[in-house]
Amino acid sequence: MDNREFFDNMAEKWDSICCHPGEKIKYVFDKINLEKGSSVLDIGSGTGIIIPYIEKEIGMEGKLTALDVSEKMIEISKKKNNYNNLNFAVEDFYLYSCSEKYDCIIAYSCYPHFTDSKAFFEKAYSLLKVGGKIIIAHVEGRDKINSRHNEIDHKIDSNTLDEVEITLSIMRKANLEIIYAEDSEEYYICIGRKLE
């Protein structure tokens, strides 16, 4: 079973089996520090868990694209999220292209499913404006996430989360300046900025 099929099959029950406490998501967004009017790409957007949080930060003058490889996940998200400045895309992030660059790319609770880290950050770099930010964020610690993924490795293609310094090293090689990192029992957050 590939990742697309796995998440298509899980879409209807996804929101009932996943826990994303609002106060923890707000903590992440305090670190992201989005500005009004920003253009944002929410990759691995799934059922749109963080879309309302992004919308609150960017306002109606901002733009948001929710991208996911799973059509069923996007269908659920469309039922939940109705904003005039929101667009949806069903596509593989590695193959995604658009005419405009983004101020911010957010990979919330999905980074392990992008199994080529080097290509992931190179792609993010190509889609960002100069000064734009890429965010990897989880509201659980690395050990907990890795333990869960180890239980389902036979069903999907995923990596374990590396210690944060390894991820930061890959980001730096992609010419991204590190502006925040946290690897704790409660969070895994890496934020980089495109230099040029």
Protein backbone atom coordinates (compact mmCIF):
# COMPACT_ATOMS: atom_id res chain seq x y z
CA MET A 1 0.00 0.00 0.00
CA ASP A 2 1.42 3.40 -0.93
CA ASN A 3 1.02 6.54 1.19
CA ARG A 4 -1.74 7.95 -0.99
CA GLU A 5 -3.86 4.83 -0.60
CA PHE A 6 -3.15 4.62 3.15
CA PHE A 7 -4.26 8.18 3.81
CA ASP A 8 -7.25 7.90 1.48
CA ASN A 9 -8.38 4.92 3.56
CA MET A 10 -7.80 6.78 6.84
CA ALA A 11 -9.39 10.10 5.84
CA GLU A 12 -12.89 9.59 7.26
CA LYS A 13 -11.67 8.66 10.72
CA TRP A 14 -8.48 10.73 10.82
CA ASP A 15 -9.79 13.57 12.97
CA SER A 16 -11.18 11.14 15.56
CA ILE A 17 -7.92 9.25 16.05
CA CYS A 18 -5.44 12.16 16.01
CA CYS A 19 -4.90 14.59 18.87
CA HIS A 20 -3.86 18.17 18.15
CA PRO A 21 -4.42 20.31 21.28
CA GLY A 22 -5.18 23.91 20.39
CA GLU A 23 -2.79 25.36 22.96
CA LYS A 24 0.10 23.34 21.51
CA ILE A 25 -0.67 24.40 17.96
CA LYS A 26 -0.80 28.02 19.16
CA TYR A 27 2.65 27.52 20.73
CA VAL A 28 3.96 26.46 17.31
CA PHE A 29 2.36 29.46 15.61
CA ASP A 30 3.95 31.79 18.15
CA LYS A 31 7.29 30.47 16.90
CA ILE A 32 6.32 30.76 13.21
CA ASN A 33 5.28 34.40 13.64
CA LEU A 34 3.19 34.69 10.47
CA GLU A 35 2.32 38.17 9.24
CA LYS A 36 -0.95 39.52 7.87
CA GLY A 37 -1.10 39.21 4.10
CA SER A 38 1.40 36.32 3.92
CA SER A 39 1.19 33.65 1.23
CA VAL A 40 1.38 30.19 2.81
CA LEU A 41 1.72 26.65 1.48
CA ASP A 42 0.44 24.04 3.94
CA ILE A 43 1.99 20.77 2.76
CA GLY A 44 0.73 17.41 3.95
CA SER A 45 -2.33 19.45 4.88
CA GLY A 46 -4.49 16.37 5.39
CA THR A 47 -7.91 17.17 6.81
CA GLY A 48 -6.90 20.79 7.34
CA ILE A 49 -6.11 20.72 11.06
CA ILE A 50 -4.05 23.92 11.02
CA ILE A 51 -5.92 25.83 8.29
CA PRO A 52 -8.01 27.91 10.76
CA TYR A 53 -4.84 28.84 12.66
CA ILE A 54 -3.10 29.96 9.47
CA GLU A 55 -6.15 31.94 8.36
CA LYS A 56 -6.32 33.74 11.69
CA GLU A 57 -2.71 34.87 11.28
CA ILE A 58 -2.66 35.85 7.60
CA GLY A 59 -6.14 37.41 7.40
CA MET A 60 -8.23 37.66 4.26
CA GLU A 61 -5.49 39.65 2.54
CA GLY A 62 -3.25 36.59 2.75
CA LYS A 63 -3.27 33.52 0.51
CA LEU A 64 -3.25 29.86 1.56
CA THR A 65 -2.77 26.72 -0.50
CA ALA A 66 -3.51 23.39 1.20
CA LEU A 67 -1.62 20.60 -0.54
CA ASP A 68 -1.86 16.86 0.07
CA VAL A 69 -1.21 13.69 -1.88
CA SER A 70 -4.52 12.22 -0.63
CA GLU A 71 -7.67 13.28 -2.49
CA LYS A 72 -9.87 11.91 0.30
CA MET A 73 -8.06 13.96 2.94
CA ILE A 74 -8.56 17.10 0.86
CA GLU A 75 -12.26 16.26 0.43
CA ILE A 76 -12.67 16.19 4.23
CA SER A 77 -10.75 19.46 4.55
CA LYS A 78 -12.97 21.17 1.97
CA LYS A 79 -16.04 20.31 4.04
CA LYS A 80 -14.47 21.86 7.15
CA ASN A 81 -12.66 24.88 5.73
CA ASN A 82 -14.37 27.51 3.63
CA TYR A 83 -12.24 30.63 3.14
CA ASN A 84 -12.21 32.88 0.07
CA ASN A 85 -8.40 33.00 0.05
CA LEU A 86 -7.94 29.22 0.36
CA ASN A 87 -7.03 26.94 -2.54
CA PHE A 88 -6.61 23.18 -2.50
CA ALA A 89 -4.18 21.02 -4.47
CA VAL A 90 -4.00 17.23 -4.64
CA GLU A 91 -0.41 16.61 -5.60
CA ASP A 92 2.94 15.19 -4.54
CA PHE A 93 4.97 18.00 -2.94
CA TYR A 94 8.13 16.94 -4.78
CA LEU A 95 6.31 17.48 -8.12
CA TYR A 96 4.35 20.59 -7.16
CA SER A 97 4.99 23.79 -9.07
CA CYS A 98 3.36 27.21 -9.14
CA SER A 99 4.00 30.59 -10.73
CA GLU A 100 4.26 32.49 -7.44
CA LYS A 101 6.65 32.01 -4.53
CA TYR A 102 5.54 31.67 -0.91
CA ASP A 103 6.33 33.62 2.24
CA CYS A 104 5.98 30.48 4.32
CA ILE A 105 5.80 26.71 3.82
CA ILE A 106 4.50 24.68 6.74
CA ALA A 107 4.92 20.92 7.14
CA TYR A 108 2.83 20.23 10.23
CA SER A 109 2.77 16.68 11.59
CA CYS A 110 3.85 15.16 8.28
CA TYR A 111 7.62 15.53 7.79
CA PRO A 112 8.50 11.82 8.33
CA HIS A 113 6.38 10.93 5.28
CA PHE A 114 8.76 12.88 3.04
CA THR A 115 11.46 10.25 2.85
CA ASP A 116 14.06 12.21 0.86
CA SER A 117 15.04 15.00 3.26
CA LYS A 118 17.59 16.57 0.92
CA ALA A 119 15.08 16.79 -1.94
CA PHE A 120 12.42 18.03 0.50
CA PHE A 121 14.40 21.09 1.57
CA GLU A 122 15.66 21.78 -1.95
CA LYS A 123 12.04 21.78 -3.15
CA ALA A 124 10.98 24.05 -0.29
CA TYR A 125 13.82 26.43 -1.14
CA SER A 126 12.69 26.60 -4.77
CA LEU A 127 9.14 27.55 -3.74
CA LEU A 128 10.06 30.23 -1.18
CA LYS A 129 10.53 33.95 -1.66
CA VAL A 130 13.83 35.34 -0.44
CA GLY A 131 13.37 35.70 3.31
CA GLY A 132 10.58 33.11 3.25
CA LYS A 133 10.37 30.45 5.96
CA ILE A 134 10.06 26.66 5.99
CA ILE A 135 8.60 25.10 9.13
CA ILE A 136 8.74 21.50 10.32
CA ALA A 137 6.47 21.14 13.35
CA HIS A 138 5.11 18.38 15.56
CA VAL A 139 3.22 18.80 18.83
CA GLU A 140 4.72 15.59 20.22
CA GLY A 141 8.26 14.60 21.02
CA ARG A 142 10.50 12.75 18.58
CA ASP A 143 10.51 9.46 20.53
CA LYS A 144 6.73 9.30 20.63
CA ILE A 145 6.40 10.03 16.93
CA ASN A 146 9.05 7.48 15.98
CA SER A 147 7.42 4.83 18.15
CA ARG A 148 4.09 5.35 16.40
CA HIS A 149 5.64 5.24 12.93
CA ASN A 150 7.50 2.05 13.78
CA GLU A 151 4.13 0.41 14.40
CA ILE A 152 2.85 1.24 10.90
CA ASP A 153 6.02 1.02 8.80
CA HIS A 154 4.62 -2.01 6.97
CA LYS A 155 1.69 0.12 5.77
CA ILE A 156 3.34 3.37 4.69
CA ASP A 157 6.64 4.76 3.51
CA SER A 158 8.08 6.96 6.26
CA ASN A 159 11.29 7.91 8.02
CA THR A 160 11.99 8.24 11.69
CA LEU A 161 12.53 11.78 12.91
CA ASP A 162 16.25 12.46 13.28
CA GLU A 163 17.78 14.33 16.17
CA VAL A 164 17.21 17.98 15.44
CA GLU A 165 20.87 18.73 14.66
CA ILE A 166 20.78 16.28 11.74
CA THR A 167 17.70 17.99 10.28
CA LEU A 168 19.27 21.41 10.80
CA SER A 169 22.42 20.28 8.99
CA ILE A 170 20.35 19.23 5.94
CA MET A 171 18.55 22.59 6.05
CA ARG A 172 21.82 24.51 6.11
CA LYS A 173 23.10 22.56 3.10
CA ALA A 174 19.97 23.74 1.25
CA ASN A 175 21.05 27.34 1.99
CA LEU A 176 18.46 27.87 4.71
CA GLU A 177 19.32 29.94 7.75
CA ILE A 178 18.15 28.36 11.01
CA ILE A 179 15.99 30.75 13.01
CA TYR A 180 14.44 28.37 15.56
CA ALA A 181 14.80 24.76 16.65
CA GLU A 182 13.29 22.68 19.45
CA ASP A 183 13.60 18.96 20.13
CA SER A 184 11.84 18.27 23.44
CA GLU A 185 9.43 15.75 24.94
CA GLU A 186 6.55 17.99 23.84
CA TYR A 187 7.63 19.44 20.48
CA TYR A 188 9.78 18.95 17.42
CA ILE A 189 10.15 22.25 15.57
CA CYS A 190 12.64 23.41 12.95
CA ILE A 191 12.30 26.80 11.24
CA GLY A 192 14.58 27.93 8.45
CA ARG A 193 14.69 31.02 6.24
CA LYS A 194 15.72 31.32 2.59
CA LEU A 195 18.77 33.52 2.41
CA GLU A 196 18.97 34.36 -1.31
